[in-house]
PDB file of N, CA and C in Angstrom:
ATOM      1  N   MET A   1     -10.513-192.555 123.802  1.00  0.00           N
ATOM      2  CA  MET A   1     -11.345-192.574 124.989  1.00  0.00           C
ATOM      3  C   MET A   1     -10.720-193.496 126.032  1.00  0.00           C
ATOM      4  N   LYS A   2     -10.671-193.038 127.255  1.00  0.00           N
ATOM      5  CA  LYS A   2     -10.179-193.842 128.361  1.00  0.00           C
ATOM      6  C   LYS A   2     -11.315-194.672 128.941  1.00  0.00           C
ATOM      7  N   ALA A   3     -10.956-195.593 129.806  1.00  0.00           N
ATOM      8  CA  ALA A   3     -11.973-196.359 130.533  1.00  0.00           C
ATOM      9  C   ALA A   3     -12.759-195.398 131.425  1.00  0.00           C
ATOM     10  N   ALA A   4     -14.069-195.608 131.481  1.00  0.00           N
ATOM     11  CA  ALA A   4     -14.938-194.767 132.307  1.00  0.00           C
ATOM     12  C   ALA A   4     -15.540-195.620 133.420  1.00  0.00           C
ATOM     13  N   ALA A   5     -15.318-195.201 134.653  1.00  0.00           N
ATOM     14  CA  ALA A   5     -15.867-195.943 135.791  1.00  0.00           C
ATOM     15  C   ALA A   5     -17.381-195.801 135.806  1.00  0.00           C
ATOM     16  N   LEU A   6     -18.072-196.932 135.822  1.00  0.00           N
ATOM     17  CA  LEU A   6     -19.533-196.935 135.924  1.00  0.00           C
ATOM     18  C   LEU A   6     -19.967-197.143 137.369  1.00  0.00           C
ATOM     19  N   VAL A   7     -19.277-198.019 138.062  1.00  0.00           N
ATOM     20  CA  VAL A   7     -19.575-198.322 139.468  1.00  0.00           C
ATOM     21  C   VAL A   7     -18.259-198.546 140.186  1.00  0.00           C
ATOM     22  N   ARG A   8     -18.117-197.929 141.341  1.00  0.00           N
ATOM     23  CA  ARG A   8     -16.970-198.193 142.229  1.00  0.00           C
ATOM     24  C   ARG A   8     -17.499-198.025 143.639  1.00  0.00           C
ATOM     25  N   ARG A   9     -17.649-199.151 144.324  1.00  0.00           N
ATOM     26  CA  ARG A   9     -18.154-199.041 145.691  1.00  0.00           C
ATOM     27  C   ARG A   9     -17.672-200.199 146.538  1.00  0.00           C
ATOM     28  N   ARG A  10     -17.636-199.926 147.809  1.00  0.00           N
ATOM     29  CA  ARG A  10     -17.293-200.941 148.807  1.00  0.00           C
ATOM     30  C   ARG A  10     -18.351-200.835 149.888  1.00  0.00           C
ATOM     31  N   ALA A  11     -18.992-201.963 150.190  1.00  0.00           N
ATOM     32  CA  ALA A  11     -20.070-201.968 151.179  1.00  0.00           C
ATOM     33  C   ALA A  11     -19.761-203.001 152.254  1.00  0.00           C
ATOM     34  N   VAL A  12     -19.766-202.542 153.488  1.00  0.00           N
ATOM     35  CA  VAL A  12     -19.595-203.450 154.616  1.00  0.00           C
ATOM     36  C   VAL A  12     -20.932-204.154 154.811  1.00  0.00           C
ATOM     37  N   VAL A  13     -20.916-205.494 154.805  1.00  0.00           N
ATOM     38  CA  VAL A  13     -22.152-206.260 154.927  1.00  0.00           C
ATOM     39  C   VAL A  13     -22.239-207.015 156.256  1.00  0.00           C
ATOM     40  N   ALA A  14     -21.150-207.062 156.984  1.00  0.00           N
ATOM     41  CA  ALA A  14     -21.095-207.653 158.325  1.00  0.00           C
ATOM     42  C   ALA A  14     -19.829-207.121 158.984  1.00  0.00           C
ATOM     43  N   ALA A  15     -19.704-207.340 160.271  1.00  0.00           N
ATOM     44  CA  ALA A  15     -18.524-206.844 160.986  1.00  0.00           C
ATOM     45  C   ALA A  15     -17.227-207.399 160.400  1.00  0.00           C
ATOM     46  N   ASP A  16     -17.304-208.577 159.798  1.00  0.00           N
ATOM     47  CA  ASP A  16     -16.103-209.216 159.257  1.00  0.00           C
ATOM     48  C   ASP A  16     -16.180-209.462 157.754  1.00  0.00           C
ATOM     49  N   ALA A  17     -17.060-208.739 157.049  1.00  0.00           N
ATOM     50  CA  ALA A  17     -17.238-209.005 155.612  1.00  0.00           C
ATOM     51  C   ALA A  17     -17.604-207.736 154.851  1.00  0.00           C
ATOM     52  N   PHE A  18     -17.122-207.684 153.593  1.00  0.00           N
ATOM     53  CA  PHE A  18     -17.500-206.575 152.724  1.00  0.00           C
ATOM     54  C   PHE A  18     -17.568-207.055 151.280  1.00  0.00           C
ATOM     55  N   VAL A  19     -18.282-206.275 150.483  1.00  0.00           N
ATOM     56  CA  VAL A  19     -18.387-206.492 149.046  1.00  0.00           C
ATOM     57  C   VAL A  19     -17.742-205.295 148.370  1.00  0.00           C
ATOM     58  N   GLU A  20     -16.924-205.553 147.361  1.00  0.00           N
ATOM     59  CA  GLU A  20     -16.317-204.480 146.582  1.00  0.00           C
ATOM     60  C   GLU A  20     -16.668-204.702 145.115  1.00  0.00           C
ATOM     61  N   VAL A  21     -17.164-203.649 144.475  1.00  0.00           N
ATOM     62  CA  VAL A  21     -17.609-203.735 143.081  1.00  0.00           C
ATOM     63  C   VAL A  21     -16.963-202.604 142.286  1.00  0.00           C
ATOM     64  N   ALA A  22     -16.386-202.962 141.151  1.00  0.00           N
ATOM     65  CA  ALA A  22     -15.829-201.968 140.230  1.00  0.00           C
ATOM     66  C   ALA A  22     -16.158-202.430 138.810  1.00  0.00           C
ATOM     67  N   ILE A  23     -16.824-201.570 138.059  1.00  0.00           N
ATOM     68  CA  ILE A  23     -17.159-201.860 136.666  1.00  0.00           C
ATOM     69  C   ILE A  23     -16.794-200.635 135.835  1.00  0.00           C
ATOM     70  N   TRP A  24     -16.062-200.872 134.751  1.00  0.00           N
ATOM     71  CA  TRP A  24     -15.664-199.806 133.849  1.00  0.00           C
ATOM     72  C   TRP A  24     -16.181-200.087 132.440  1.00  0.00           C
ATOM     73  N   HIS A  25     -16.466-199.040 131.711  1.00  0.00           N
ATOM     74  CA  HIS A  25     -16.745-199.142 130.278  1.00  0.00           C
ATOM     75  C   HIS A  25     -15.422-198.836 129.593  1.00  0.00           C
ATOM     76  N   VAL A  26     -14.958-199.760 128.753  1.00  0.00           N
ATOM     77  CA  VAL A  26     -13.654-199.597 128.099  1.00  0.00           C
ATOM     78  C   VAL A  26     -13.845-199.324 126.602  1.00  0.00           C
ATOM     79  N   PRO A  27     -12.897-198.644 125.982  1.00  0.00           N
ATOM     80  CA  PRO A  27     -13.057-198.278 124.570  1.00  0.00           C
ATOM     81  C   PRO A  27     -13.064-199.477 123.620  1.00  0.00           C
ATOM     82  N   THR A  28     -12.329-200.523 123.970  1.00  0.00           N
ATOM     83  CA  THR A  28     -12.302-201.733 123.145  1.00  0.00           C
ATOM     84  C   THR A  28     -12.351-202.950 124.058  1.00  0.00           C
ATOM     85  N   PRO A  29     -12.925-204.041 123.589  1.00  0.00           N
ATOM     86  CA  PRO A  29     -13.008-205.249 124.422  1.00  0.00           C
ATOM     87  C   PRO A  29     -11.621-205.755 124.819  1.00  0.00           C
ATOM     88  N   LEU A  30     -11.574-206.386 125.996  1.00  0.00           N
ATOM     89  CA  LEU A  30     -10.352-207.041 126.453  1.00  0.00           C
ATOM     90  C   LEU A  30     -10.416-208.484 125.971  1.00  0.00           C
ATOM     91  N   ALA A  31      -9.679-208.780 124.918  1.00  0.00           N
ATOM     92  CA  ALA A  31      -9.724-210.118 124.321  1.00  0.00           C
ATOM     93  C   ALA A  31      -9.401-211.170 125.372  1.00  0.00           C
ATOM     94  N   PRO A  32     -10.096-212.279 125.382  1.00  0.00           N
ATOM     95  CA  PRO A  32     -11.003-212.780 124.365  1.00  0.00           C
ATOM     96  C   PRO A  32     -12.463-212.334 124.520  1.00  0.00           C
ATOM     97  N   SER A  33     -12.755-211.472 125.484  1.00  0.00           N
ATOM     98  CA  SER A  33     -14.128-210.972 125.624  1.00  0.00           C
ATOM     99  C   SER A  33     -14.509-210.138 124.411  1.00  0.00           C
ATOM    100  N   THR A  34     -15.797-210.074 124.120  1.00  0.00           N
ATOM    101  CA  THR A  34     -16.269-209.286 122.988  1.00  0.00           C
ATOM    102  C   THR A  34     -17.064-208.059 123.429  1.00  0.00           C
ATOM    103  N   HIS A  35     -17.308-207.915 124.721  1.00  0.00           N
ATOM    104  CA  HIS A  35     -18.042-206.757 125.250  1.00  0.00           C
ATOM    105  C   HIS A  35     -17.059-205.678 125.694  1.00  0.00           C
ATOM    106  N   ARG A  36     -17.586-204.481 125.953  1.00  0.00           N
ATOM    107  CA  ARG A  36     -16.724-203.349 126.312  1.00  0.00           C
ATOM    108  C   ARG A  36     -16.833-202.993 127.796  1.00  0.00           C
ATOM    109  N   PHE A  37     -16.724-204.020 128.647  1.00  0.00           N
ATOM    110  CA  PHE A  37     -16.751-203.801 130.093  1.00  0.00           C
ATOM    111  C   PHE A  37     -15.583-204.541 130.733  1.00  0.00           C
ATOM    112  N   LYS A  38     -14.997-203.894 131.720  1.00  0.00           N
ATOM    113  CA  LYS A  38     -13.995-204.530 132.569  1.00  0.00           C
ATOM    114  C   LYS A  38     -14.582-204.461 133.971  1.00  0.00           C
ATOM    115  N   TYR A  39     -14.432-205.537 134.728  1.00  0.00           N
ATOM    116  CA  TYR A  39     -15.060-205.557 136.045  1.00  0.00           C
ATOM    117  C   TYR A  39     -14.275-206.393 137.037  1.00  0.00           C
ATOM    118  N   ARG A  40     -14.541-206.080 138.306  1.00  0.00           N
ATOM    119  CA  ARG A  40     -13.994-206.847 139.422  1.00  0.00           C
ATOM    120  C   ARG A  40     -15.016-206.742 140.560  1.00  0.00           C
ATOM    121  N   LEU A  41     -15.582-207.875 140.934  1.00  0.00           N
ATOM    122  CA  LEU A  41     -16.535-207.925 142.030  1.00  0.00           C
ATOM    123  C   LEU A  41     -15.999-208.941 143.027  1.00  0.00           C
ATOM    124  N   ALA A  42     -15.891-208.560 144.275  1.00  0.00           N
ATOM    125  CA  ALA A  42     -15.294-209.447 145.268  1.00  0.00           C
ATOM    126  C   ALA A  42     -16.120-209.460 146.547  1.00  0.00           C
ATOM    127  N   TYR A  43     -16.193-210.639 147.142  1.00  0.00           N
ATOM    128  CA  TYR A  43     -16.802-210.806 148.458  1.00  0.00           C
ATOM    129  C   TYR A  43     -15.695-211.293 149.377  1.00  0.00           C
ATOM    130  N   VAL A  44     -15.417-210.515 150.431  1.00  0.00           N
ATOM    131  CA  VAL A  44     -14.316-210.797 151.341  1.00  0.00           C
ATOM    132  C   VAL A  44     -14.883-211.043 152.739  1.00  0.00           C
ATOM    133  N   VAL A  45     -14.519-212.181 153.311  1.00  0.00           N
ATOM    134  CA  VAL A  45     -14.968-212.566 154.647  1.00  0.00           C
ATOM    135  C   VAL A  45     -13.742-212.919 155.479  1.00  0.00           C
ATOM    136  N   LYS A  46     -13.661-212.320 156.642  1.00  0.00           N
ATOM    137  CA  LYS A  46     -12.529-212.565 157.550  1.00  0.00           C
ATOM    138  C   LYS A  46     -11.200-212.393 156.817  1.00  0.00           C
ATOM    139  N   GLU A  47     -11.109-211.319 156.050  1.00  0.00           N
ATOM    140  CA  GLU A  47      -9.902-210.935 155.299  1.00  0.00           C
ATOM    141  C   GLU A  47      -9.508-211.923 154.208  1.00  0.00           C
ATOM    142  N   GLN A  48     -10.432-212.789 153.791  1.00  0.00           N
ATOM    143  CA  GLN A  48     -10.166-213.735 152.707  1.00  0.00           C
ATOM    144  C   GLN A  48     -11.201-213.532 151.607  1.00  0.00           C
ATOM    145  N   CYS A  49     -10.729-213.416 150.376  1.00  0.00           N
ATOM    146  CA  CYS A  49     -11.637-213.298 149.241  1.00  0.00           C
ATOM    147  C   CYS A  49     -12.233-214.681 148.981  1.00  0.00           C
ATOM    148  N   VAL A  50     -13.537-214.812 149.217  1.00  0.00           N
ATOM    149  CA  VAL A  50     -14.191-216.114 149.071  1.00  0.00           C
ATOM    150  C   VAL A  50     -14.931-216.241 147.743  1.00  0.00           C
ATOM    151  N   LEU A  51     -15.143-215.109 147.057  1.00  0.00           N
ATOM    152  CA  LEU A  51     -15.845-215.120 145.780  1.00  0.00           C
ATOM    153  C   LEU A  51     -15.399-213.898 144.978  1.00  0.00           C
ATOM    154  N   ARG A  52     -15.048-214.114 143.708  1.00  0.00           N
ATOM    155  CA  ARG A  52     -14.649-212.982 142.865  1.00  0.00           C
ATOM    156  C   ARG A  52     -15.043-213.242 141.417  1.00  0.00           C
ATOM    157  N   TYR A  53     -15.610-212.239 140.801  1.00  0.00           N
ATOM    158  CA  TYR A  53     -15.887-212.234 139.369  1.00  0.00           C
ATOM    159  C   TYR A  53     -14.970-211.178 138.775  1.00  0.00           C
ATOM    160  N   ASP A  54     -14.289-211.491 137.679  1.00  0.00           N
ATOM    161  CA  ASP A  54     -13.484-210.467 137.032  1.00  0.00           C
ATOM    162  C   ASP A  54     -13.251-210.790 135.573  1.00  0.00           C
ATOM    163  N   SER A  55     -12.781-209.772 134.883  1.00  0.00           N
ATOM    164  CA  SER A  55     -12.425-209.914 133.467  1.00  0.00           C
ATOM    165  C   SER A  55     -10.993-209.435 133.321  1.00  0.00           C
ATOM    166  N   GLU A  56     -10.219-210.222 132.585  1.00  0.00           N
ATOM    167  CA  GLU A  56      -8.811-209.885 132.371  1.00  0.00           C
ATOM    168  C   GLU A  56      -8.444-210.154 130.920  1.00  0.00           C
ATOM    169  N   ARG A  57      -7.535-209.355 130.423  1.00  0.00           N
ATOM    170  CA  ARG A  57      -6.991-209.612 129.090  1.00  0.00           C
ATOM    171  C   ARG A  57      -6.389-211.017 129.103  1.00  0.00           C
ATOM    172  N   ALA A  58      -6.596-211.763 128.074  1.00  0.00           N
ATOM    173  CA  ALA A  58      -6.117-213.143 127.880  1.00  0.00           C
ATOM    174  C   ALA A  58      -6.986-214.177 128.601  1.00  0.00           C
ATOM    175  N   LYS A  59      -7.461-213.889 129.806  1.00  0.00           N
ATOM    176  CA  LYS A  59      -8.320-214.842 130.526  1.00  0.00           C
ATOM    177  C   LYS A  59      -9.789-214.654 130.192  1.00  0.00           C
ATOM    178  N   GLY A  60     -10.196-213.441 129.895  1.00  0.00           N
ATOM    179  CA  GLY A  60     -11.607-213.161 129.637  1.00  0.00           C
ATOM    180  C   GLY A  60     -12.428-213.130 130.918  1.00  0.00           C
ATOM    181  N   ASP A  61     -13.702-213.419 130.765  1.00  0.00           N
ATOM    182  CA  ASP A  61     -14.651-213.367 131.881  1.00  0.00           C
ATOM    183  C   ASP A  61     -14.566-214.663 132.678  1.00  0.00           C
ATOM    184  N   HIS A  62     -14.422-214.533 133.995  1.00  0.00           N
ATOM    185  CA  HIS A  62     -14.355-215.724 134.825  1.00  0.00           C
ATOM    186  C   HIS A  62     -14.720-215.399 136.264  1.00  0.00           C
ATOM    187  N   ARG A  63     -14.945-216.466 137.027  1.00  0.00           N
ATOM    188  CA  ARG A  63     -15.265-216.303 138.447  1.00  0.00           C
ATOM    189  C   ARG A  63     -14.405-217.247 139.262  1.00  0.00           C
ATOM    190  N   HIS A  64     -14.090-216.780 140.461  1.00  0.00           N
ATOM    191  CA  HIS A  64     -13.283-217.555 141.396  1.00  0.00           C
ATOM    192  C   HIS A  64     -14.139-217.867 142.623  1.00  0.00           C
ATOM    193  N   THR A  65     -14.001-219.071 143.126  1.00  0.00           N
ATOM    194  CA  THR A  65     -14.532-219.393 144.446  1.00  0.00           C
ATOM    195  C   THR A  65     -13.315-219.687 145.315  1.00  0.00           C
ATOM    196  N   GLU A  66     -13.540-220.173 146.491  1.00  0.00           N
ATOM    197  CA  GLU A  66     -12.408-220.468 147.381  1.00  0.00           C
ATOM    198  C   GLU A  66     -11.467-221.504 146.772  1.00  0.00           C
ATOM    199  N   THR A  67     -12.002-222.395 145.936  1.00  0.00           N
ATOM    200  CA  THR A  67     -11.182-223.502 145.439  1.00  0.00           C
ATOM    201  C   THR A  67     -11.122-223.621 143.918  1.00  0.00           C
ATOM    202  N   THR A  68     -11.928-222.853 143.191  1.00  0.00           N
ATOM    203  CA  THR A  68     -11.981-223.027 141.740  1.00  0.00           C
ATOM    204  C   THR A  68     -11.924-221.708 140.995  1.00  0.00           C
ATOM    205  N   GLU A  69     -11.599-221.813 139.731  1.00  0.00           N
ATOM    206  CA  GLU A  69     -11.711-220.703 138.781  1.00  0.00           C
ATOM    207  C   GLU A  69     -12.387-221.286 137.549  1.00  0.00           C
ATOM    208  N   GLU A  70     -13.447-220.610 137.075  1.00  0.00           N
ATOM    209  CA  GLU A  70     -14.178-221.125 135.928  1.00  0.00           C
ATOM    210  C   GLU A  70     -14.656-219.981 135.048  1.00  0.00           C
ATOM    211  N   PRO A  71     -14.912-220.253 133.771  1.00  0.00           N
ATOM    212  CA  PRO A  71     -15.411-219.212 132.877  1.00  0.00           C
ATOM    213  C   PRO A  71     -16.762-218.690 133.357  1.00  0.00           C
ATOM    214  N   TYR A  72     -17.026-217.433 133.051  1.00  0.00           N
ATOM    215  CA  TYR A  72     -18.312-216.803 133.355  1.00  0.00           C
ATOM    216  C   TYR A  72     -18.886-216.262 132.053  1.00  0.00           C
ATOM    217  N   ALA A  73     -20.152-216.523 131.799  1.00  0.00           N
ATOM    218  CA  ALA A  73     -20.816-216.072 130.572  1.00  0.00           C
ATOM    219  C   ALA A  73     -21.416-214.678 130.798  1.00  0.00           C
ATOM    220  N   PHE A  74     -20.619-213.647 130.557  1.00  0.00           N
ATOM    221  CA  PHE A  74     -21.070-212.265 130.731  1.00  0.00           C
ATOM    222  C   PHE A  74     -22.120-211.929 129.681  1.00  0.00           C
ATOM    223  N   SER A  75     -23.197-211.236 130.123  1.00  0.00           N
ATOM    224  CA  SER A  75     -24.192-210.748 129.157  1.00  0.00           C
ATOM    225  C   SER A  75     -24.396-209.244 129.302  1.00  0.00           C
ATOM    226  N   THR A  76     -24.691-208.777 130.519  1.00  0.00           N
ATOM    227  CA  THR A  76     -24.879-207.345 130.780  1.00  0.00           C
ATOM    228  C   THR A  76     -24.368-207.025 132.184  1.00  0.00           C
ATOM    229  N   PRO A  77     -24.069-205.757 132.458  1.00  0.00           N
ATOM    230  CA  PRO A  77     -23.674-205.401 133.824  1.00  0.00           C
ATOM    231  C   PRO A  77     -24.765-205.728 134.851  1.00  0.00           C
ATOM    232  N   ASP A  78     -26.031-205.533 134.484  1.00  0.00           N
ATOM    233  CA  ASP A  78     -27.122-205.845 135.421  1.00  0.00           C
ATOM    234  C   ASP A  78     -27.156-207.334 135.747  1.00  0.00           C
ATOM    235  N   GLN A  79     -26.991-208.177 134.742  1.00  0.00           N
ATOM    236  CA  GLN A  79     -26.991-209.622 134.981  1.00  0.00           C
ATOM    237  C   GLN A  79     -25.763-210.029 135.781  1.00  0.00           C
ATOM    238  N   LEU A  80     -24.629-209.399 135.521  1.00  0.00           N
ATOM    239  CA  LEU A  80     -23.409-209.648 136.291  1.00  0.00           C
ATOM    240  C   LEU A  80     -23.676-209.396 137.774  1.00  0.00           C
ATOM    241  N   MET A  81     -24.277-208.258 138.089  1.00  0.00           N
ATOM    242  CA  MET A  81     -24.581-207.926 139.485  1.00  0.00           C
ATOM    243  C   MET A  81     -25.551-208.941 140.086  1.00  0.00           C
ATOM    244  N   ALA A  82     -26.577-209.321 139.328  1.00  0.00           N
ATOM    245  CA  ALA A  82     -27.556-210.289 139.833  1.00  0.00           C
ATOM    246  C   ALA A  82     -26.899-211.637 140.104  1.00  0.00           C
ATOM    247  N   ASP A  83     -26.041-212.087 139.191  1.00  0.00           N
ATOM    248  CA  ASP A  83     -25.354-213.369 139.375  1.00  0.00           C
ATOM    249  C   ASP A  83     -24.426-213.322 140.593  1.00  0.00           C
ATOM    250  N   PHE A  84     -23.690-212.235 140.730  1.00  0.00           N
ATOM    251  CA  PHE A  84     -22.785-212.077 141.862  1.00  0.00           C
ATOM    252  C   PHE A  84     -23.564-212.058 143.180  1.00  0.00           C
ATOM    253  N   GLU A  85     -24.628-211.281 143.228  1.00  0.00           N
ATOM    254  CA  GLU A  85     -25.438-211.203 144.446  1.00  0.00           C
ATOM    255  C   GLU A  85     -26.030-212.562 144.804  1.00  0.00           C
ATOM    256  N   ALA A  86     -26.464-213.332 143.812  1.00  0.00           N
ATOM    257  CA  ALA A  86     -26.993-214.677 144.060  1.00  0.00           C
ATOM    258  C   ALA A  86     -25.900-215.593 144.615  1.00  0.00           C
ATOM    259  N   ASP A  87     -24.681-215.480 144.078  1.00  0.00           N
ATOM    260  CA  ASP A  87     -23.569-216.294 144.579  1.00  0.00           C
ATOM    261  C   ASP A  87     -23.187-215.906 146.009  1.00  0.00           C
ATOM    262  N   VAL A  88     -23.229-214.623 146.320  1.00  0.00           N
ATOM    263  CA  VAL A  88     -22.938-214.174 147.690  1.00  0.00           C
ATOM    264  C   VAL A  88     -23.993-214.748 148.637  1.00  0.00           C
ATOM    265  N   ALA A  89     -25.260-214.654 148.260  1.00  0.00           N
ATOM    266  CA  ALA A  89     -26.334-215.195 149.102  1.00  0.00           C
ATOM    267  C   ALA A  89     -26.173-216.703 149.283  1.00  0.00           C
ATOM    268  N   ARG A  90     -25.841-217.401 148.206  1.00  0.00           N
ATOM    269  CA  ARG A  90     -25.640-218.855 148.280  1.00  0.00           C
ATOM    270  C   ARG A  90     -24.458-219.184 149.206  1.00  0.00           C
ATOM    271  N   TRP A  91     -23.341-218.456 149.048  1.00  0.00           N
ATOM    272  CA  TRP A  91     -22.174-218.688 149.895  1.00  0.00           C
ATOM    273  C   TRP A  91     -22.543-218.474 151.365  1.00  0.00           C
ATOM    274  N   ASN A  92     -23.252-217.379 151.654  1.00  0.00           N
ATOM    275  CA  ASN A  92     -23.657-217.096 153.028  1.00  0.00           C
ATOM    276  C   ASN A  92     -24.539-218.208 153.582  1.00  0.00           C
ATOM    277  N   HIS A  93     -25.471-218.674 152.785  1.00  0.00           N
ATOM    278  CA  HIS A  93     -26.362-219.752 153.233  1.00  0.00           C
ATOM    279  C   HIS A  93     -25.565-221.039 153.502  1.00  0.00           C
ATOM    280  N   GLU A  94     -24.670-221.383 152.592  1.00  0.00           N
ATOM    281  CA  GLU A  94     -23.873-222.609 152.741  1.00  0.00           C
ATOM    282  C   GLU A  94     -22.914-222.555 153.926  1.00  0.00           C
ATOM    283  N   HIS A  95     -22.570-221.344 154.340  1.00  0.00           N
ATOM    284  CA  HIS A  95     -21.613-221.186 155.445  1.00  0.00           C
ATOM    285  C   HIS A  95     -22.274-220.666 156.722  1.00  0.00           C
ATOM    286  N   GLY A  96     -23.601-220.772 156.783  1.00  0.00           N
ATOM    287  CA  GLY A  96     -24.339-220.393 157.994  1.00  0.00           C
ATOM    288  C   GLY A  96     -24.273-218.931 158.339  1.00  0.00           C
ATOM    289  N   ARG A  97     -24.201-218.083 157.320  1.00  0.00           N
ATOM    290  CA  ARG A  97     -24.103-216.644 157.546  1.00  0.00           C
ATOM    291  C   ARG A  97     -25.360-215.903 157.121  1.00  0.00           C
ATOM    292  N   SER A  98     -26.467-216.586 156.962  1.00  0.00           N
ATOM    293  CA  SER A  98     -27.708-215.962 156.482  1.00  0.00           C
ATOM    294  C   SER A  98     -28.270-214.988 157.468  1.00  0.00           C
TER     295      SER A  98
END
């Protein structure tokens, strides 16, 4: 079985910003993750990725901000989306983009 795309979308959220989401169901987990999802969620403002959640072989689940990279505790695709959306809202609030 190949990876199956569950979500692939790009949404313009402002004249200078967009959100891109891609989530796949994979046949086997990407170690060290134990779940069967691969994902990449990005928030791009003024052509700069300011927030990204992704899963990679060897790195596992993690999130990037403008200055940091840290582990992310993946549980479900729905929770992933909720966490990402909350981080986007927080970033917008902190940067006066509400």
